Amino acid sequence: MIKSLILNLLFVFSGISIAFAQDSTATQNSLRSGNIISQFDYIYRVSNNVQEYEVVKKSHLEQLKANVLDSIRTRTKEVSELKIQLSSLNDTVITSKNQLSAEIAEKNQAIADRDNFSFLGIGIQKSAYSTMMWVLVTVLAVALAFFAVQYFRSSSKISKAEKDLMDVQEEFEQHRKNTLERERKLKRELIDAQMGKN
């Protein structure tokens, strides 16, 4: 009986020590893993009730405090890193906006330079220059047409005048020949008449 009592006590103590070991292992594992809410829930589960108060092990509270402070430090560090990143991104955005403004101004200047140029030392737009050139081409074309018409009219008048001149010259030549012929005839008659008198 004593033997069985000793065995029972051994089983009870070994069960308590095993339970205590499991409890402390579970405590360490629960307080070392999981988020803060699960750690608070774990402490609430493993604490004892005394009337309406919860009795919590001081080691659990210290571990929880260390975990909370570590989480706060981690979050604070993350927040400061995010602020640095945000500041860097803001600087990048400002730089990009400045570059975009410069590029837009350069593009507008290039468009203005493309549409304008200097002609005889005067700044002029290409559309006005194009209009002026087409007006000049039109005026020159009209002048060419006018002078071409005048040339062809004059040419026909000159041809007619040349033809008339040729006709007059032929007539004159014919008249001269007739006159010479008459003059010869008269000279012969005169010579014949003088010889007839003699």
C-alpha atoms as a PDB file:
ATOM      1  CA  MET A   1       0.000   0.000   0.000  1.00  0.00           C
ATOM      2  CA  ILE A   2       2.818   2.320   0.804  1.00  0.00           C
ATOM      3  CA  LYS A   3       4.291   1.301  -2.440  1.00  0.00           C
ATOM      4  CA  SER A   4       1.142   2.238  -4.293  1.00  0.00           C
ATOM      5  CA  LEU A   5       0.881   5.493  -2.338  1.00  0.00           C
ATOM      6  CA  ILE A   6       4.467   6.361  -3.282  1.00  0.00           C
ATOM      7  CA  LEU A   7       3.713   5.494  -6.883  1.00  0.00           C
ATOM      8  CA  ASN A   8       0.591   7.640  -6.816  1.00  0.00           C
ATOM      9  CA  LEU A   9       2.527  10.541  -5.308  1.00  0.00           C
ATOM     10  CA  LEU A  10       5.233  10.089  -7.900  1.00  0.00           C
ATOM     11  CA  PHE A  11       2.606  10.156 -10.652  1.00  0.00           C
ATOM     12  CA  VAL A  12       0.970  13.244  -9.147  1.00  0.00           C
ATOM     13  CA  PHE A  13       4.297  15.091  -8.764  1.00  0.00           C
ATOM     14  CA  SER A  14       5.474  14.042 -12.187  1.00  0.00           C
ATOM     15  CA  GLY A  15       2.109  15.155 -13.636  1.00  0.00           C
ATOM     16  CA  ILE A  16       2.393  18.490 -11.827  1.00  0.00           C
ATOM     17  CA  SER A  17       5.982  18.967 -12.936  1.00  0.00           C
ATOM     18  CA  ILE A  18       5.077  17.948 -16.487  1.00  0.00           C
ATOM     19  CA  ALA A  19       2.055  20.297 -16.404  1.00  0.00           C
ATOM     20  CA  PHE A  20       4.229  23.065 -14.947  1.00  0.00           C
ATOM     21  CA  ALA A  21       6.880  22.443 -17.557  1.00  0.00           C
ATOM     22  CA  GLN A  22       4.234  22.455 -20.320  1.00  0.00           C
ATOM     23  CA  ASP A  23       2.668  25.565 -18.801  1.00  0.00           C
ATOM     24  CA  SER A  24       5.982  27.387 -18.672  1.00  0.00           C
ATOM     25  CA  THR A  25       6.859  26.199 -22.200  1.00  0.00           C
ATOM     26  CA  ALA A  26       3.418  27.293 -23.424  1.00  0.00           C
ATOM     27  CA  THR A  27       3.859  30.576 -21.583  1.00  0.00           C
ATOM     28  CA  GLN A  28       7.215  31.185 -23.172  1.00  0.00           C
ATOM     29  CA  ASN A  29       5.914  30.160 -26.577  1.00  0.00           C
ATOM     30  CA  SER A  30       2.747  32.264 -26.305  1.00  0.00           C
ATOM     31  CA  LEU A  31       4.527  35.338 -25.048  1.00  0.00           C
ATOM     32  CA  ARG A  32       7.295  34.915 -27.613  1.00  0.00           C
ATOM     33  CA  SER A  33       5.079  34.435 -30.612  1.00  0.00           C
ATOM     34  CA  GLY A  34       1.881  35.941 -31.938  1.00  0.00           C
ATOM     35  CA  ASN A  35       0.722  39.518 -31.923  1.00  0.00           C
ATOM     36  CA  ILE A  36       0.133  41.722 -28.888  1.00  0.00           C
ATOM     37  CA  ILE A  37      -3.600  40.929 -28.700  1.00  0.00           C
ATOM     38  CA  SER A  38      -2.973  37.173 -28.612  1.00  0.00           C
ATOM     39  CA  GLN A  39      -0.353  37.721 -25.898  1.00  0.00           C
ATOM     40  CA  PHE A  40      -2.850  39.714 -23.787  1.00  0.00           C
ATOM     41  CA  ASP A  41      -5.429  36.956 -24.330  1.00  0.00           C
ATOM     42  CA  TYR A  42      -2.918  34.347 -23.235  1.00  0.00           C
ATOM     43  CA  ILE A  43      -2.081  36.259 -20.023  1.00  0.00           C
ATOM     44  CA  TYR A  44      -5.770  36.626 -19.288  1.00  0.00           C
ATOM     45  CA  ARG A  45      -6.288  32.867 -19.774  1.00  0.00           C
ATOM     46  CA  VAL A  46      -3.384  31.794 -17.549  1.00  0.00           C
ATOM     47  CA  SER A  47      -4.036  34.284 -14.747  1.00  0.00           C
ATOM     48  CA  ASN A  48      -5.847  33.293 -11.564  1.00  0.00           C
ATOM     49  CA  ASN A  49      -8.942  34.909 -10.137  1.00  0.00           C
ATOM     50  CA  VAL A  50      -8.962  36.256  -6.650  1.00  0.00           C
ATOM     51  CA  GLN A  51     -12.404  37.620  -5.960  1.00  0.00           C
ATOM     52  CA  GLU A  52     -12.911  40.057  -8.811  1.00  0.00           C
ATOM     53  CA  TYR A  53      -9.201  40.641  -9.503  1.00  0.00           C
ATOM     54  CA  GLU A  54      -6.922  38.806 -11.875  1.00  0.00           C
ATOM     55  CA  VAL A  55      -3.604  37.619 -10.506  1.00  0.00           C
ATOM     56  CA  VAL A  56      -0.913  37.686 -13.164  1.00  0.00           C
ATOM     57  CA  LYS A  57       2.637  36.479 -12.848  1.00  0.00           C
ATOM     58  CA  LYS A  58       5.122  39.295 -12.718  1.00  0.00           C
ATOM     59  CA  SER A  59       7.354  37.485 -15.246  1.00  0.00           C
ATOM     60  CA  HIS A  60       4.444  37.360 -17.701  1.00  0.00           C
ATOM     61  CA  LEU A  61       3.816  41.087 -17.275  1.00  0.00           C
ATOM     62  CA  GLU A  62       7.490  41.876 -17.750  1.00  0.00           C
ATOM     63  CA  GLN A  63       7.633  39.686 -20.836  1.00  0.00           C
ATOM     64  CA  LEU A  64       4.465  41.337 -22.171  1.00  0.00           C
ATOM     65  CA  LYS A  65       5.862  44.802 -21.389  1.00  0.00           C
ATOM     66  CA  ALA A  66       9.095  43.927 -23.227  1.00  0.00           C
ATOM     67  CA  ASN A  67       7.079  42.638 -26.179  1.00  0.00           C
ATOM     68  CA  VAL A  68       4.891  45.764 -26.268  1.00  0.00           C
ATOM     69  CA  LEU A  69       7.903  48.073 -26.044  1.00  0.00           C
ATOM     70  CA  ASP A  70       9.669  46.071 -28.724  1.00  0.00           C
ATOM     71  CA  SER A  71       6.576  46.323 -30.950  1.00  0.00           C
ATOM     72  CA  ILE A  72       6.370  50.054 -30.290  1.00  0.00           C
ATOM     73  CA  ARG A  73      10.073  50.471 -31.132  1.00  0.00           C
ATOM     74  CA  THR A  74       9.617  48.429 -34.294  1.00  0.00           C
ATOM     75  CA  ARG A  75       6.553  50.434 -35.334  1.00  0.00           C
ATOM     76  CA  THR A  76       8.284  53.715 -34.464  1.00  0.00           C
ATOM     77  CA  LYS A  77      11.250  52.679 -36.564  1.00  0.00           C
ATOM     78  CA  GLU A  78       8.934  51.663 -39.425  1.00  0.00           C
ATOM     79  CA  VAL A  79       7.070  54.985 -39.124  1.00  0.00           C
ATOM     80  CA  SER A  80      10.341  56.955 -39.216  1.00  0.00           C
ATOM     81  CA  GLU A  81      11.507  54.924 -42.227  1.00  0.00           C
ATOM     82  CA  LEU A  82       8.156  55.544 -43.915  1.00  0.00           C
ATOM     83  CA  LYS A  83       8.470  59.271 -43.152  1.00  0.00           C
ATOM     84  CA  ILE A  84      11.933  59.263 -44.705  1.00  0.00           C
ATOM     85  CA  GLN A  85      10.577  57.396 -47.733  1.00  0.00           C
ATOM     86  CA  LEU A  86       7.629  59.804 -47.930  1.00  0.00           C
ATOM     87  CA  SER A  87       9.992  62.783 -47.722  1.00  0.00           C
ATOM     88  CA  SER A  88      12.155  61.245 -50.422  1.00  0.00           C
ATOM     89  CA  LEU A  89       9.075  60.586 -52.558  1.00  0.00           C
ATOM     90  CA  ASN A  90       7.876  64.164 -52.003  1.00  0.00           C
ATOM     91  CA  ASP A  91      11.303  65.446 -53.084  1.00  0.00           C
ATOM     92  CA  THR A  92      11.137  63.177 -56.124  1.00  0.00           C
ATOM     93  CA  VAL A  93       7.630  64.436 -56.938  1.00  0.00           C
ATOM     94  CA  ILE A  94       8.759  68.065 -56.596  1.00  0.00           C
ATOM     95  CA  THR A  95      11.808  67.373 -58.771  1.00  0.00           C
ATOM     96  CA  SER A  96       9.611  65.595 -61.321  1.00  0.00           C
ATOM     97  CA  LYS A  97       7.140  68.511 -61.331  1.00  0.00           C
ATOM     98  CA  ASN A  98      10.003  70.976 -61.863  1.00  0.00           C
ATOM     99  CA  GLN A  99      11.400  68.842 -64.670  1.00  0.00           C
ATOM    100  CA  LEU A 100       7.923  68.526 -66.192  1.00  0.00           C
ATOM    101  CA  SER A 101       7.441  72.308 -66.022  1.00  0.00           C
ATOM    102  CA  ALA A 102      10.849  72.831 -67.644  1.00  0.00           C
ATOM    103  CA  GLU A 103      10.043  70.263 -70.343  1.00  0.00           C
ATOM    104  CA  ILE A 104       6.639  71.874 -71.023  1.00  0.00           C
ATOM    105  CA  ALA A 105       8.274  75.315 -71.282  1.00  0.00           C
ATOM    106  CA  GLU A 106      10.936  73.880 -73.602  1.00  0.00           C
ATOM    107  CA  LYS A 107       8.252  72.173 -75.714  1.00  0.00           C
ATOM    108  CA  ASN A 108       6.240  75.410 -75.972  1.00  0.00           C
ATOM    109  CA  GLN A 109       9.411  77.302 -76.940  1.00  0.00           C
ATOM    110  CA  ALA A 110      10.231  74.657 -79.566  1.00  0.00           C
ATOM    111  CA  ILE A 111       6.688  74.934 -80.974  1.00  0.00           C
ATOM    112  CA  ALA A 112       6.973  78.729 -81.034  1.00  0.00           C
ATOM    113  CA  ASP A 113      10.402  78.478 -82.714  1.00  0.00           C
ATOM    114  CA  ARG A 114       9.011  75.992 -85.227  1.00  0.00           C
ATOM    115  CA  ASP A 115       6.072  78.278 -86.067  1.00  0.00           C
ATOM    116  CA  ASN A 116       8.142  81.499 -86.170  1.00  0.00           C
ATOM    117  CA  PHE A 117      11.344  82.471 -87.932  1.00  0.00           C
ATOM    118  CA  SER A 118      13.251  85.553 -88.945  1.00  0.00           C
ATOM    119  CA  PHE A 119      12.715  86.917 -92.442  1.00  0.00           C
ATOM    120  CA  LEU A 120      14.838  89.938 -93.415  1.00  0.00           C
ATOM    121  CA  GLY A 121      15.504  90.533 -89.719  1.00  0.00           C
ATOM    122  CA  ILE A 122      11.794  90.548 -88.853  1.00  0.00           C
ATOM    123  CA  GLY A 123      10.203  87.832 -86.734  1.00  0.00           C
ATOM    124  CA  ILE A 124       7.316  86.320 -88.658  1.00  0.00           C
ATOM    125  CA  GLN A 125       5.010  83.360 -88.239  1.00  0.00           C
ATOM    126  CA  LYS A 126       5.185  80.575 -90.770  1.00  0.00           C
ATOM    127  CA  SER A 127       1.475  80.855 -91.571  1.00  0.00           C
ATOM    128  CA  ALA A 128       1.831  84.597 -92.322  1.00  0.00           C
ATOM    129  CA  TYR A 129       4.987  83.897 -94.344  1.00  0.00           C
ATOM    130  CA  SER A 130       3.225  81.131 -96.246  1.00  0.00           C
ATOM    131  CA  THR A 131       0.262  83.427 -96.999  1.00  0.00           C
ATOM    132  CA  MET A 132       2.619  86.202 -98.095  1.00  0.00           C
ATOM    133  CA  MET A 133       4.537  83.835-100.373  1.00  0.00           C
ATOM    134  CA  TRP A 134       1.329  82.487-101.958  1.00  0.00           C
ATOM    135  CA  VAL A 135       0.123  86.049-102.555  1.00  0.00           C
ATOM    136  CA  LEU A 136       3.505  86.845-104.138  1.00  0.00           C
ATOM    137  CA  VAL A 137       3.323  83.696-106.305  1.00  0.00           C
ATOM    138  CA  THR A 138      -0.234  84.600-107.339  1.00  0.00           C
ATOM    139  CA  VAL A 139       0.791  88.186-108.226  1.00  0.00           C
ATOM    140  CA  LEU A 140       3.761  86.894-110.213  1.00  0.00           C
ATOM    141  CA  ALA A 141       1.551  84.347-112.000  1.00  0.00           C
ATOM    142  CA  VAL A 142      -0.985  87.074-112.889  1.00  0.00           C
ATOM    143  CA  ALA A 143       1.847  89.349-114.075  1.00  0.00           C
ATOM    144  CA  LEU A 144       3.313  86.517-116.145  1.00  0.00           C
ATOM    145  CA  ALA A 145      -0.084  85.804-117.683  1.00  0.00           C
ATOM    146  CA  PHE A 146      -0.614  89.529-118.408  1.00  0.00           C
ATOM    147  CA  PHE A 147       2.789  89.898-120.040  1.00  0.00           C
ATOM    148  CA  ALA A 148       2.356  86.629-121.940  1.00  0.00           C
ATOM    149  CA  VAL A 149      -0.965  87.881-123.338  1.00  0.00           C
ATOM    150  CA  GLN A 150       0.647  91.226-124.195  1.00  0.00           C
ATOM    151  CA  TYR A 151       3.570  89.424-125.835  1.00  0.00           C
ATOM    152  CA  PHE A 152       1.318  87.226-127.934  1.00  0.00           C
ATOM    153  CA  ARG A 153      -0.805  90.229-128.944  1.00  0.00           C
ATOM    154  CA  SER A 154       2.314  92.192-129.827  1.00  0.00           C
ATOM    155  CA  SER A 155       3.718  89.184-131.606  1.00  0.00           C
ATOM    156  CA  SER A 156       0.588  88.857-133.736  1.00  0.00           C
ATOM    157  CA  LYS A 157       0.654  92.625-134.414  1.00  0.00           C
ATOM    158  CA  ILE A 158       4.331  92.412-135.326  1.00  0.00           C
ATOM    159  CA  SER A 159       3.634  89.444-137.602  1.00  0.00           C
ATOM    160  CA  LYS A 160       0.839  91.394-139.272  1.00  0.00           C
ATOM    161  CA  ALA A 161       3.058  94.450-139.516  1.00  0.00           C
ATOM    162  CA  GLU A 162       5.868  92.360-141.023  1.00  0.00           C
ATOM    163  CA  LYS A 163       3.408  90.850-143.501  1.00  0.00           C
ATOM    164  CA  ASP A 164       2.098  94.301-144.363  1.00  0.00           C
ATOM    165  CA  LEU A 165       5.679  95.544-144.695  1.00  0.00           C
ATOM    166  CA  MET A 166       6.500  92.659-146.999  1.00  0.00           C
ATOM    167  CA  ASP A 167       3.386  93.444-149.035  1.00  0.00           C
ATOM    168  CA  VAL A 168       4.320  97.122-149.136  1.00  0.00           C
ATOM    169  CA  GLN A 169       7.912  96.244-150.043  1.00  0.00           C
ATOM    170  CA  GLU A 170       6.644  93.944-152.811  1.00  0.00           C
ATOM    171  CA  GLU A 171       4.296  96.654-153.954  1.00  0.00           C
ATOM    172  CA  PHE A 172       7.095  99.186-153.753  1.00  0.00           C
ATOM    173  CA  GLU A 173       9.421  96.849-155.603  1.00  0.00           C
ATOM    174  CA  GLN A 174       6.738  96.293-158.213  1.00  0.00           C
ATOM    175  CA  HIS A 175       6.110 100.019-158.391  1.00  0.00           C
ATOM    176  CA  ARG A 176       9.849 100.698-158.673  1.00  0.00           C
ATOM    177  CA  LYS A 177      10.154  98.126-161.421  1.00  0.00           C
ATOM    178  CA  ASN A 178       7.200  99.689-163.212  1.00  0.00           C
ATOM    179  CA  THR A 179       8.687 103.120-162.689  1.00  0.00           C
ATOM    180  CA  LEU A 180      12.066 101.975-163.995  1.00  0.00           C
ATOM    181  CA  GLU A 181      10.360 100.311-166.887  1.00  0.00           C
ATOM    182  CA  ARG A 182       8.451 103.505-167.646  1.00  0.00           C
ATOM    183  CA  GLU A 183      11.534 105.580-167.190  1.00  0.00           C
ATOM    184  CA  ARG A 184      13.446 103.378-169.634  1.00  0.00           C
ATOM    185  CA  LYS A 185      10.562 103.528-172.013  1.00  0.00           C
ATOM    186  CA  LEU A 186      10.420 107.290-171.752  1.00  0.00           C
ATOM    187  CA  LYS A 187      14.178 107.532-172.174  1.00  0.00           C
ATOM    188  CA  ARG A 188      13.997 105.407-175.280  1.00  0.00           C
ATOM    189  CA  GLU A 189      11.168 107.460-176.601  1.00  0.00           C
ATOM    190  CA  LEU A 190      13.104 110.600-175.778  1.00  0.00           C
ATOM    191  CA  ILE A 191      16.212 109.212-177.423  1.00  0.00           C
ATOM    192  CA  ASP A 192      14.133 108.054-180.388  1.00  0.00           C
ATOM    193  CA  ALA A 193      12.484 111.469-180.582  1.00  0.00           C
ATOM    194  CA  GLN A 194      15.816 113.244-180.461  1.00  0.00           C
ATOM    195  CA  MET A 195      17.238 110.983-183.065  1.00  0.00           C
ATOM    196  CA  GLY A 196      14.185 111.432-185.191  1.00  0.00           C
ATOM    197  CA  LYS A 197      14.664 115.189-185.042  1.00  0.00           C
ATOM    198  CA  ASN A 198      18.276 114.912-185.920  1.00  0.00           C
END
